[in-house]
């Protein structure tokens, strides 16, 4: 099971990097309020993959999207297919 930060990954990563909403807004060419909405949407699962890719670039990170088995069993070459899409 993957534990999610209460305020979402975007807010957690942004604050860990000591980046303000104003700074992120400048990089995304948005307002501070728009960045707050992005953080809220990501935390509630209502954000698009496209927007996550944009945020990744603003954070100077590569956004990667993938699937992990619920039971925690590691992938085996013969019997498990892993689909992952890398954006960047």
PDB file of N, CA and C in Angstrom:
ATOM      1  N   UNK A   1       0.835  -1.170   0.000  1.00  0.00           N
ATOM      2  CA  UNK A   1       0.000   0.000   0.000  1.00  0.00           C
ATOM      3  C   UNK A   1       0.891   1.249   0.000  1.00  0.00           C
ATOM      4  N   UNK A   2       0.499   2.206  -0.812  1.00  0.00           N
ATOM      5  CA  UNK A   2       1.242   3.459  -0.888  1.00  0.00           C
ATOM      6  C   UNK A   2       0.517   4.491  -0.041  1.00  0.00           C
ATOM      7  N   UNK A   3       1.213   5.055   0.924  1.00  0.00           N
ATOM      8  CA  UNK A   3       0.623   6.090   1.769  1.00  0.00           C
ATOM      9  C   UNK A   3       0.741   7.434   1.074  1.00  0.00           C
ATOM     10  N   UNK A   4      -0.347   8.170   1.050  1.00  0.00           N
ATOM     11  CA  UNK A   4      -0.369   9.477   0.402  1.00  0.00           C
ATOM     12  C   UNK A   4      -0.297  10.582   1.435  1.00  0.00           C
ATOM     13  N   UNK A   5       0.478  11.616   1.169  1.00  0.00           N
ATOM     14  CA  UNK A   5       0.527  12.749   2.093  1.00  0.00           C
ATOM     15  C   UNK A   5      -0.850  13.407   2.190  1.00  0.00           C
ATOM     16  N   UNK A   6      -1.219  13.864   3.356  1.00  0.00           N
ATOM     17  CA  UNK A   6      -2.540  14.454   3.583  1.00  0.00           C
ATOM     18  C   UNK A   6      -2.822  15.617   2.632  1.00  0.00           C
ATOM     19  N   UNK A   7      -1.834  16.447   2.384  1.00  0.00           N
ATOM     20  CA  UNK A   7      -2.027  17.597   1.500  1.00  0.00           C
ATOM     21  C   UNK A   7      -1.670  17.285   0.052  1.00  0.00           C
ATOM     22  N   UNK A   8      -1.361  16.026  -0.241  1.00  0.00           N
ATOM     23  CA  UNK A   8      -1.017  15.628  -1.605  1.00  0.00           C
ATOM     24  C   UNK A   8       0.472  15.703  -1.870  1.00  0.00           C
ATOM     25  N   UNK A   9       0.870  15.060  -2.970  1.00  0.00           N
ATOM     26  CA  UNK A   9       2.287  15.010  -3.327  1.00  0.00           C
ATOM     27  C   UNK A   9       2.807  16.356  -3.808  1.00  0.00           C
ATOM     28  N   UNK A  10       2.008  17.082  -4.577  1.00  0.00           N
ATOM     29  CA  UNK A  10       2.495  18.356  -5.115  1.00  0.00           C
ATOM     30  C   UNK A  10       2.842  19.315  -3.987  1.00  0.00           C
ATOM     31  N   UNK A  11       1.924  19.487  -3.040  1.00  0.00           N
ATOM     32  CA  UNK A  11       2.177  20.383  -1.913  1.00  0.00           C
ATOM     33  C   UNK A  11       3.374  19.901  -1.105  1.00  0.00           C
ATOM     34  N   UNK A  12       3.443  18.620  -0.850  1.00  0.00           N
ATOM     35  CA  UNK A  12       4.532  18.056  -0.046  1.00  0.00           C
ATOM     36  C   UNK A  12       5.886  18.266  -0.713  1.00  0.00           C
ATOM     37  N   UNK A  13       5.962  17.991  -2.001  1.00  0.00           N
ATOM     38  CA  UNK A  13       7.233  18.157  -2.715  1.00  0.00           C
ATOM     39  C   UNK A  13       7.587  19.636  -2.816  1.00  0.00           C
ATOM     40  N   UNK A  14       6.598  20.475  -3.163  1.00  0.00           N
ATOM     41  CA  UNK A  14       6.857  21.910  -3.299  1.00  0.00           C
ATOM     42  C   UNK A  14       7.405  22.497  -2.003  1.00  0.00           C
ATOM     43  N   UNK A  15       6.754  22.176  -0.882  1.00  0.00           N
ATOM     44  CA  UNK A  15       7.207  22.738   0.395  1.00  0.00           C
ATOM     45  C   UNK A  15       8.550  22.150   0.828  1.00  0.00           C
ATOM     46  N   UNK A  16       8.802  20.897   0.518  1.00  0.00           N
ATOM     47  CA  UNK A  16      10.086  20.282   0.830  1.00  0.00           C
ATOM     48  C   UNK A  16      11.220  20.975   0.068  1.00  0.00           C
ATOM     49  N   UNK A  17      10.908  21.426  -1.137  1.00  0.00           N
ATOM     50  CA  UNK A  17      11.894  22.150  -1.949  1.00  0.00           C
ATOM     51  C   UNK A  17      11.981  23.630  -1.576  1.00  0.00           C
ATOM     52  N   UNK A  18      11.238  24.029  -0.544  1.00  0.00           N
ATOM     53  CA  UNK A  18      11.190  25.434  -0.118  1.00  0.00           C
ATOM     54  C   UNK A  18      10.744  26.359  -1.252  1.00  0.00           C
ATOM     55  N   UNK A  19       9.829  25.856  -2.078  1.00  0.00           N
ATOM     56  CA  UNK A  19       9.277  26.641  -3.175  1.00  0.00           C
ATOM     57  C   UNK A  19       7.922  27.190  -2.739  1.00  0.00           C
ATOM     58  N   UNK A  20       7.713  28.470  -2.932  1.00  0.00           N
ATOM     59  CA  UNK A  20       6.426  29.071  -2.589  1.00  0.00           C
ATOM     60  C   UNK A  20       5.425  28.839  -3.716  1.00  0.00           C
ATOM     61  N   UNK A  21       4.166  29.058  -3.403  1.00  0.00           N
ATOM     62  CA  UNK A  21       3.149  28.973  -4.456  1.00  0.00           C
ATOM     63  C   UNK A  21       3.385  30.043  -5.513  1.00  0.00           C
ATOM     64  N   UNK A  22       3.842  31.206  -5.083  1.00  0.00           N
ATOM     65  CA  UNK A  22       4.149  32.274  -6.043  1.00  0.00           C
ATOM     66  C   UNK A  22       5.232  31.834  -7.023  1.00  0.00           C
ATOM     67  N   UNK A  23       6.271  31.184  -6.521  1.00  0.00           N
ATOM     68  CA  UNK A  23       7.360  30.727  -7.380  1.00  0.00           C
ATOM     69  C   UNK A  23       6.863  29.677  -8.374  1.00  0.00           C
ATOM     70  N   UNK A  24       6.038  28.740  -7.880  1.00  0.00           N
ATOM     71  CA  UNK A  24       5.506  27.717  -8.770  1.00  0.00           C
ATOM     72  C   UNK A  24       4.572  28.349  -9.801  1.00  0.00           C
ATOM     73  N   UNK A  25       3.773  29.304  -9.358  1.00  0.00           N
ATOM     74  CA  UNK A  25       2.852  29.981 -10.267  1.00  0.00           C
ATOM     75  C   UNK A  25       3.613  30.657 -11.404  1.00  0.00           C
ATOM     76  N   UNK A  26       4.731  31.268 -11.081  1.00  0.00           N
ATOM     77  CA  UNK A  26       5.551  31.918 -12.106  1.00  0.00           C
ATOM     78  C   UNK A  26       6.041  30.893 -13.122  1.00  0.00           C
ATOM     79  N   UNK A  27       6.518  29.760 -12.644  1.00  0.00           N
ATOM     80  CA  UNK A  27       7.018  28.715 -13.551  1.00  0.00           C
ATOM     81  C   UNK A  27       5.911  28.143 -14.430  1.00  0.00           C
ATOM     82  N   UNK A  28       4.690  28.058 -13.886  1.00  0.00           N
ATOM     83  CA  UNK A  28       3.556  27.512 -14.645  1.00  0.00           C
ATOM     84  C   UNK A  28       2.801  28.593 -15.420  1.00  0.00           C
ATOM     85  N   UNK A  29       3.202  29.835 -15.240  1.00  0.00           N
ATOM     86  CA  UNK A  29       2.514  30.979 -15.839  1.00  0.00           C
ATOM     87  C   UNK A  29       1.040  31.001 -15.426  1.00  0.00           C
ATOM     88  N   UNK A  30       0.832  30.819 -14.123  1.00  0.00           N
ATOM     89  CA  UNK A  30      -0.502  30.822 -13.528  1.00  0.00           C
ATOM     90  C   UNK A  30      -0.497  31.747 -12.322  1.00  0.00           C
ATOM     91  N   UNK A  31      -1.647  31.878 -11.690  1.00  0.00           N
ATOM     92  CA  UNK A  31      -1.737  32.660 -10.456  1.00  0.00           C
ATOM     93  C   UNK A  31      -1.458  31.764  -9.253  1.00  0.00           C
ATOM     94  N   UNK A  32      -1.171  32.403  -8.125  1.00  0.00           N
ATOM     95  CA  UNK A  32      -0.969  31.672  -6.865  1.00  0.00           C
ATOM     96  C   UNK A  32      -2.230  30.873  -6.526  1.00  0.00           C
ATOM     97  N   UNK A  33      -3.396  31.454  -6.760  1.00  0.00           N
ATOM     98  CA  UNK A  33      -4.659  30.765  -6.496  1.00  0.00           C
ATOM     99  C   UNK A  33      -4.845  29.537  -7.373  1.00  0.00           C
ATOM    100  N   UNK A  34      -4.382  29.616  -8.622  1.00  0.00           N
ATOM    101  CA  UNK A  34      -4.475  28.469  -9.531  1.00  0.00           C
ATOM    102  C   UNK A  34      -3.596  27.321  -9.036  1.00  0.00           C
ATOM    103  N   UNK A  35      -2.434  27.654  -8.492  1.00  0.00           N
ATOM    104  CA  UNK A  35      -1.542  26.626  -7.936  1.00  0.00           C
ATOM    105  C   UNK A  35      -2.221  25.965  -6.733  1.00  0.00           C
ATOM    106  N   UNK A  36      -2.872  26.748  -5.907  1.00  0.00           N
ATOM    107  CA  UNK A  36      -3.587  26.187  -4.763  1.00  0.00           C
ATOM    108  C   UNK A  36      -4.667  25.212  -5.238  1.00  0.00           C
ATOM    109  N   UNK A  37      -5.390  25.561  -6.292  1.00  0.00           N
ATOM    110  CA  UNK A  37      -6.427  24.675  -6.845  1.00  0.00           C
ATOM    111  C   UNK A  37      -5.801  23.389  -7.386  1.00  0.00           C
ATOM    112  N   UNK A  38      -4.657  23.509  -8.040  1.00  0.00           N
ATOM    113  CA  UNK A  38      -3.960  22.325  -8.548  1.00  0.00           C
ATOM    114  C   UNK A  38      -3.610  21.400  -7.389  1.00  0.00           C
ATOM    115  N   UNK A  39      -3.071  21.954  -6.309  1.00  0.00           N
ATOM    116  CA  UNK A  39      -2.711  21.143  -5.140  1.00  0.00           C
ATOM    117  C   UNK A  39      -3.946  20.477  -4.544  1.00  0.00           C
ATOM    118  N   UNK A  40      -5.030  21.203  -4.462  1.00  0.00           N
ATOM    119  CA  UNK A  40      -6.267  20.634  -3.914  1.00  0.00           C
ATOM    120  C   UNK A  40      -6.807  19.520  -4.810  1.00  0.00           C
ATOM    121  N   UNK A  41      -6.788  19.738  -6.121  1.00  0.00           N
ATOM    122  CA  UNK A  41      -7.285  18.725  -7.054  1.00  0.00           C
ATOM    123  C   UNK A  41      -6.423  17.469  -7.023  1.00  0.00           C
ATOM    124  N   UNK A  42      -5.121  17.646  -6.926  1.00  0.00           N
ATOM    125  CA  UNK A  42      -4.238  16.472  -6.864  1.00  0.00           C
ATOM    126  C   UNK A  42      -4.487  15.691  -5.580  1.00  0.00           C
ATOM    127  N   UNK A  43      -4.659  16.383  -4.472  1.00  0.00           N
ATOM    128  CA  UNK A  43      -4.868  15.721  -3.181  1.00  0.00           C
ATOM    129  C   UNK A  43      -6.183  14.938  -3.145  1.00  0.00           C
ATOM    130  N   UNK A  44      -7.167  15.374  -3.941  1.00  0.00           N
ATOM    131  CA  UNK A  44      -8.478  14.684  -3.956  1.00  0.00           C
ATOM    132  C   UNK A  44      -8.641  13.775  -5.170  1.00  0.00           C
ATOM    133  N   UNK A  45      -7.576  13.644  -5.976  1.00  0.00           N
ATOM    134  CA  UNK A  45      -7.623  12.735  -7.128  1.00  0.00           C
ATOM    135  C   UNK A  45      -8.378  13.289  -8.319  1.00  0.00           C
ATOM    136  N   UNK A  46      -8.492  14.605  -8.411  1.00  0.00           N
ATOM    137  CA  UNK A  46      -9.262  15.219  -9.498  1.00  0.00           C
ATOM    138  C   UNK A  46      -8.378  16.036 -10.437  1.00  0.00           C
ATOM    139  N   UNK A  47      -7.189  15.553 -10.706  1.00  0.00           N
ATOM    140  CA  UNK A  47      -6.238  16.281 -11.554  1.00  0.00           C
ATOM    141  C   UNK A  47      -5.928  15.435 -12.787  1.00  0.00           C
ATOM    142  N   UNK A  48      -5.613  16.099 -13.878  1.00  0.00           N
ATOM    143  CA  UNK A  48      -5.292  15.367 -15.107  1.00  0.00           C
ATOM    144  C   UNK A  48      -3.818  14.978 -15.145  1.00  0.00           C
ATOM    145  N   UNK A  49      -3.525  13.963 -15.914  1.00  0.00           N
ATOM    146  CA  UNK A  49      -2.140  13.541 -16.113  1.00  0.00           C
ATOM    147  C   UNK A  49      -1.365  14.660 -16.800  1.00  0.00           C
ATOM    148  N   UNK A  50      -2.006  15.339 -17.717  1.00  0.00           N
ATOM    149  CA  UNK A  50      -1.356  16.462 -18.406  1.00  0.00           C
ATOM    150  C   UNK A  50      -0.907  17.530 -17.405  1.00  0.00           C
ATOM    151  N   UNK A  51      -1.761  17.869 -16.458  1.00  0.00           N
ATOM    152  CA  UNK A  51      -1.423  18.889 -15.467  1.00  0.00           C
ATOM    153  C   UNK A  51      -0.296  18.389 -14.551  1.00  0.00           C
ATOM    154  N   UNK A  52      -0.318  17.107 -14.191  1.00  0.00           N
ATOM    155  CA  UNK A  52       0.758  16.542 -13.382  1.00  0.00           C
ATOM    156  C   UNK A  52       2.099  16.638 -14.102  1.00  0.00           C
ATOM    157  N   UNK A  53       2.083  16.421 -15.410  1.00  0.00           N
ATOM    158  CA  UNK A  53       3.315  16.544 -16.195  1.00  0.00           C
ATOM    159  C   UNK A  53       3.833  17.982 -16.151  1.00  0.00           C
ATOM    160  N   UNK A  54       2.920  18.955 -16.307  1.00  0.00           N
ATOM    161  CA  UNK A  54       3.307  20.367 -16.237  1.00  0.00           C
ATOM    162  C   UNK A  54       3.902  20.714 -14.874  1.00  0.00           C
ATOM    163  N   UNK A  55       3.273  20.222 -13.815  1.00  0.00           N
ATOM    164  CA  UNK A  55       3.756  20.494 -12.459  1.00  0.00           C
ATOM    165  C   UNK A  55       5.131  19.860 -12.263  1.00  0.00           C
ATOM    166  N   UNK A  56       5.313  18.651 -12.777  1.00  0.00           N
ATOM    167  CA  UNK A  56       6.621  18.005 -12.687  1.00  0.00           C
ATOM    168  C   UNK A  56       7.718  18.861 -13.289  1.00  0.00           C
ATOM    169  N   UNK A  57       7.439  19.445 -14.442  1.00  0.00           N
ATOM    170  CA  UNK A  57       8.427  20.322 -15.079  1.00  0.00           C
ATOM    171  C   UNK A  57       8.703  21.546 -14.209  1.00  0.00           C
ATOM    172  N   UNK A  58       7.656  22.122 -13.615  1.00  0.00           N
ATOM    173  CA  UNK A  58       7.833  23.294 -12.755  1.00  0.00           C
ATOM    174  C   UNK A  58       8.657  22.957 -11.520  1.00  0.00           C
ATOM    175  N   UNK A  59       8.557  21.712 -11.043  1.00  0.00           N
ATOM    176  CA  UNK A  59       9.327  21.264  -9.888  1.00  0.00           C
ATOM    177  C   UNK A  59      10.716  20.768 -10.279  1.00  0.00           C
ATOM    178  N   UNK A  60      11.033  20.840 -11.570  1.00  0.00           N
ATOM    179  CA  UNK A  60      12.287  20.335 -12.118  1.00  0.00           C
ATOM    180  C   UNK A  60      12.417  18.839 -11.857  1.00  0.00           C
ATOM    181  N   UNK A  61      11.293  18.137 -12.085  1.00  0.00           N
ATOM    182  CA  UNK A  61      11.240  16.689 -11.892  1.00  0.00           C
ATOM    183  C   UNK A  61      10.589  16.045 -13.104  1.00  0.00           C
ATOM    184  N   UNK A  62      10.805  14.764 -13.235  1.00  0.00           N
ATOM    185  CA  UNK A  62      10.186  13.993 -14.298  1.00  0.00           C
ATOM    186  C   UNK A  62       8.962  13.282 -13.720  1.00  0.00           C
ATOM    187  N   UNK A  63       7.802  13.456 -14.335  1.00  0.00           N
ATOM    188  CA  UNK A  63       6.594  12.791 -13.883  1.00  0.00           C
ATOM    189  C   UNK A  63       6.526  11.404 -14.498  1.00  0.00           C
ATOM    190  N   UNK A  64       6.307  10.394 -13.658  1.00  0.00           N
ATOM    191  CA  UNK A  64       6.184   9.008 -14.097  1.00  0.00           C
ATOM    192  C   UNK A  64       4.883   8.456 -13.556  1.00  0.00           C
ATOM    193  N   UNK A  65       4.129   7.776 -14.392  1.00  0.00           N
ATOM    194  CA  UNK A  65       2.830   7.214 -14.025  1.00  0.00           C
ATOM    195  C   UNK A  65       2.902   5.714 -14.183  1.00  0.00           C
ATOM    196  N   UNK A  66       2.441   4.963 -13.200  1.00  0.00           N
ATOM    197  CA  UNK A  66       2.538   3.515 -13.304  1.00  0.00           C
ATOM    198  C   UNK A  66       1.547   2.797 -12.412  1.00  0.00           C
ATOM    199  N   UNK A  67       1.597   1.489 -12.442  1.00  0.00           N
ATOM    200  CA  UNK A  67       0.717   0.634 -11.655  1.00  0.00           C
ATOM    201  C   UNK A  67       1.551  -0.284 -10.767  1.00  0.00           C
ATOM    202  N   UNK A  68       1.062  -0.537  -9.558  1.00  0.00           N
ATOM    203  CA  UNK A  68       1.730  -1.400  -8.590  1.00  0.00           C
ATOM    204  C   UNK A  68       0.702  -2.422  -8.102  1.00  0.00           C
ATOM    205  N   UNK A  69       1.068  -3.694  -7.988  1.00  0.00           N
ATOM    206  CA  UNK A  69       0.097  -4.697  -7.540  1.00  0.00           C
ATOM    207  C   UNK A  69      -0.364  -4.433  -6.107  1.00  0.00           C
ATOM    208  N   UNK A  70      -1.653  -4.640  -5.857  1.00  0.00           N
ATOM    209  CA  UNK A  70      -2.223  -4.396  -4.531  1.00  0.00           C
ATOM    210  C   UNK A  70      -1.639  -5.308  -3.466  1.00  0.00           C
ATOM    211  N   UNK A  71      -1.341  -6.539  -3.842  1.00  0.00           N
ATOM    212  CA  UNK A  71      -0.870  -7.501  -2.846  1.00  0.00           C
ATOM    213  C   UNK A  71       0.621  -7.387  -2.546  1.00  0.00           C
ATOM    214  N   UNK A  72       1.310  -6.490  -3.242  1.00  0.00           N
ATOM    215  CA  UNK A  72       2.715  -6.263  -2.961  1.00  0.00           C
ATOM    216  C   UNK A  72       3.660  -7.298  -3.546  1.00  0.00           C
ATOM    217  N   UNK A  73       3.125  -8.251  -4.294  1.00  0.00           N
ATOM    218  CA  UNK A  73       3.980  -9.259  -4.910  1.00  0.00           C
ATOM    219  C   UNK A  73       4.801  -8.590  -6.008  1.00  0.00           C
ATOM    220  N   UNK A  74       6.064  -8.903  -6.045  1.00  0.00           N
ATOM    221  CA  UNK A  74       6.936  -8.312  -7.055  1.00  0.00           C
ATOM    222  C   UNK A  74       6.595  -8.873  -8.427  1.00  0.00           C
ATOM    223  N   UNK A  75       6.846  -8.079  -9.424  1.00  0.00           N
ATOM    224  CA  UNK A  75       6.554  -8.477 -10.794  1.00  0.00           C
ATOM    225  C   UNK A  75       7.485  -9.590 -11.236  1.00  0.00           C
ATOM    226  N   UNK A  76       6.914 -10.573 -11.883  1.00  0.00           N
ATOM    227  CA  UNK A  76       7.697 -11.665 -12.457  1.00  0.00           C
ATOM    228  C   UNK A  76       7.582 -11.575 -13.963  1.00  0.00           C
ATOM    229  N   UNK A  77       8.690 -11.754 -14.620  1.00  0.00           N
ATOM    230  CA  UNK A  77       8.767 -11.557 -16.070  1.00  0.00           C
ATOM    231  C   UNK A  77       7.724 -12.375 -16.827  1.00  0.00           C
ATOM    232  N   UNK A  78       7.458 -13.612 -16.427  1.00  0.00           N
ATOM    233  CA  UNK A  78       6.574 -14.493 -17.177  1.00  0.00           C
ATOM    234  C   UNK A  78       5.093 -14.241 -16.953  1.00  0.00           C
ATOM    235  N   UNK A  79       4.697 -13.883 -15.761  1.00  0.00           N
ATOM    236  CA  UNK A  79       3.266 -13.896 -15.488  1.00  0.00           C
ATOM    237  C   UNK A  79       2.634 -12.563 -15.121  1.00  0.00           C
ATOM    238  N   UNK A  80       3.378 -11.503 -15.166  1.00  0.00           N
ATOM    239  CA  UNK A  80       2.801 -10.202 -14.819  1.00  0.00           C
ATOM    240  C   UNK A  80       3.193  -9.173 -15.879  1.00  0.00           C
ATOM    241  N   UNK A  81       2.216  -8.445 -16.330  1.00  0.00           N
ATOM    242  CA  UNK A  81       2.465  -7.371 -17.283  1.00  0.00           C
ATOM    243  C   UNK A  81       2.391  -6.047 -16.586  1.00  0.00           C
ATOM    244  N   UNK A  82       3.413  -5.263 -16.678  1.00  0.00           N
ATOM    245  CA  UNK A  82       3.458  -3.935 -16.057  1.00  0.00           C
ATOM    246  C   UNK A  82       3.306  -2.875 -17.129  1.00  0.00           C
ATOM    247  N   UNK A  83       2.288  -2.052 -16.955  1.00  0.00           N
ATOM    248  CA  UNK A  83       2.102  -0.952 -17.901  1.00  0.00           C
ATOM    249  C   UNK A  83       2.515   0.331 -17.194  1.00  0.00           C
ATOM    250  N   UNK A  84       3.447   1.011 -17.760  1.00  0.00           N
ATOM    251  CA  UNK A  84       3.832   2.282 -17.177  1.00  0.00           C
ATOM    252  C   UNK A  84       4.100   3.268 -18.291  1.00  0.00           C
ATOM    253  N   UNK A  85       3.668   4.470 -18.068  1.00  0.00           N
ATOM    254  CA  UNK A  85       3.825   5.527 -19.059  1.00  0.00           C
ATOM    255  C   UNK A  85       4.729   6.588 -18.462  1.00  0.00           C
ATOM    256  N   UNK A  86       5.754   6.909 -19.175  1.00  0.00           N
ATOM    257  CA  UNK A  86       6.692   7.911 -18.685  1.00  0.00           C
ATOM    258  C   UNK A  86       6.479   9.203 -19.470  1.00  0.00           C
ATOM    259  N   UNK A  87       6.276  10.281 -18.730  1.00  0.00           N
ATOM    260  CA  UNK A  87       6.090  11.596 -19.343  1.00  0.00           C
ATOM    261  C   UNK A  87       7.314  12.438 -19.067  1.00  0.00           C
ATOM    262  N   UNK A  88       7.714  13.214 -20.021  1.00  0.00           N
ATOM    263  CA  UNK A  88       8.819  14.108 -19.738  1.00  0.00           C
ATOM    264  C   UNK A  88       9.612  14.495 -20.876  1.00  0.00           C
TER     265      UNK A  88
END
